[in-house]
């Protein structure tokens, strides 16, 4: 299982995950199946899409 990271946003952002969610929505509007995940190790929200194998981490 792997994923491709399209964008990141810090977890400490005053608006929380909203910036990452807005970026993901822009990708979805363009036809890219983006989702937001929290990566605790890097303290960031990641906007990701599944890699070609169709699975997501």
Protein backbone atom coordinates (compact mmCIF):
# COMPACT_ATOMS: atom_id res chain seq x y z
CA UNK A 1 0.00 0.00 0.00
CA UNK A 2 1.33 3.39 -0.89
CA UNK A 3 0.14 6.92 -1.45
CA UNK A 4 1.26 9.99 -3.29
CA UNK A 5 1.42 13.24 -1.31
CA UNK A 6 0.02 16.23 -3.19
CA UNK A 7 0.20 18.89 -0.45
CA UNK A 8 0.85 19.34 3.27
CA UNK A 9 -0.36 21.62 6.03
CA UNK A 10 0.90 21.93 9.63
CA UNK A 11 -1.26 20.42 12.37
CA UNK A 12 -0.67 23.50 14.47
CA UNK A 13 -2.42 25.76 11.97
CA UNK A 14 -4.96 28.06 13.70
CA UNK A 15 -7.68 26.71 11.39
CA UNK A 16 -6.80 23.09 12.10
CA UNK A 17 -7.21 20.76 9.14
CA UNK A 18 -9.30 23.28 7.15
CA UNK A 19 -6.44 24.39 4.82
CA UNK A 20 -5.68 20.76 3.92
CA UNK A 21 -9.39 20.02 3.43
CA UNK A 22 -9.71 23.03 1.12
CA UNK A 23 -6.69 21.88 -0.92
CA UNK A 24 -8.13 18.36 -1.15
CA UNK A 25 -11.45 19.78 -2.36
CA UNK A 26 -9.67 21.69 -5.11
CA UNK A 27 -8.03 18.46 -6.27
CA UNK A 28 -11.37 16.60 -6.12
CA UNK A 29 -13.01 19.38 -8.16
CA UNK A 30 -10.31 18.76 -10.78
CA UNK A 31 -11.09 15.03 -10.82
CA UNK A 32 -8.28 13.84 -8.53
CA UNK A 33 -9.53 11.54 -5.70
CA UNK A 34 -7.66 13.37 -2.91
CA UNK A 35 -8.19 12.79 0.81
CA UNK A 36 -6.66 14.25 3.97
CA UNK A 37 -4.77 12.15 6.50
CA UNK A 38 -2.96 13.15 9.68
CA UNK A 39 0.67 12.09 9.94
CA UNK A 40 1.60 12.25 13.58
CA UNK A 41 5.35 11.70 13.06
CA UNK A 42 5.71 14.83 10.94
CA UNK A 43 2.96 16.78 12.76
CA UNK A 44 1.28 17.58 9.43
CA UNK A 45 -1.93 16.99 7.54
CA UNK A 46 -1.26 15.37 4.18
CA UNK A 47 -3.38 15.65 1.06
CA UNK A 48 -2.92 12.27 -0.60
CA UNK A 49 -4.16 10.09 -3.45
CA UNK A 50 -3.80 6.33 -3.75
CA UNK A 51 -0.88 5.19 -5.90
CA UNK A 52 -1.54 3.17 -9.04
CA UNK A 53 -2.17 -0.02 -7.10
CA UNK A 54 -5.45 1.58 -5.93
CA UNK A 55 -4.76 1.24 -2.23
CA UNK A 56 -4.15 3.93 0.34
CA UNK A 57 -2.07 3.83 3.48
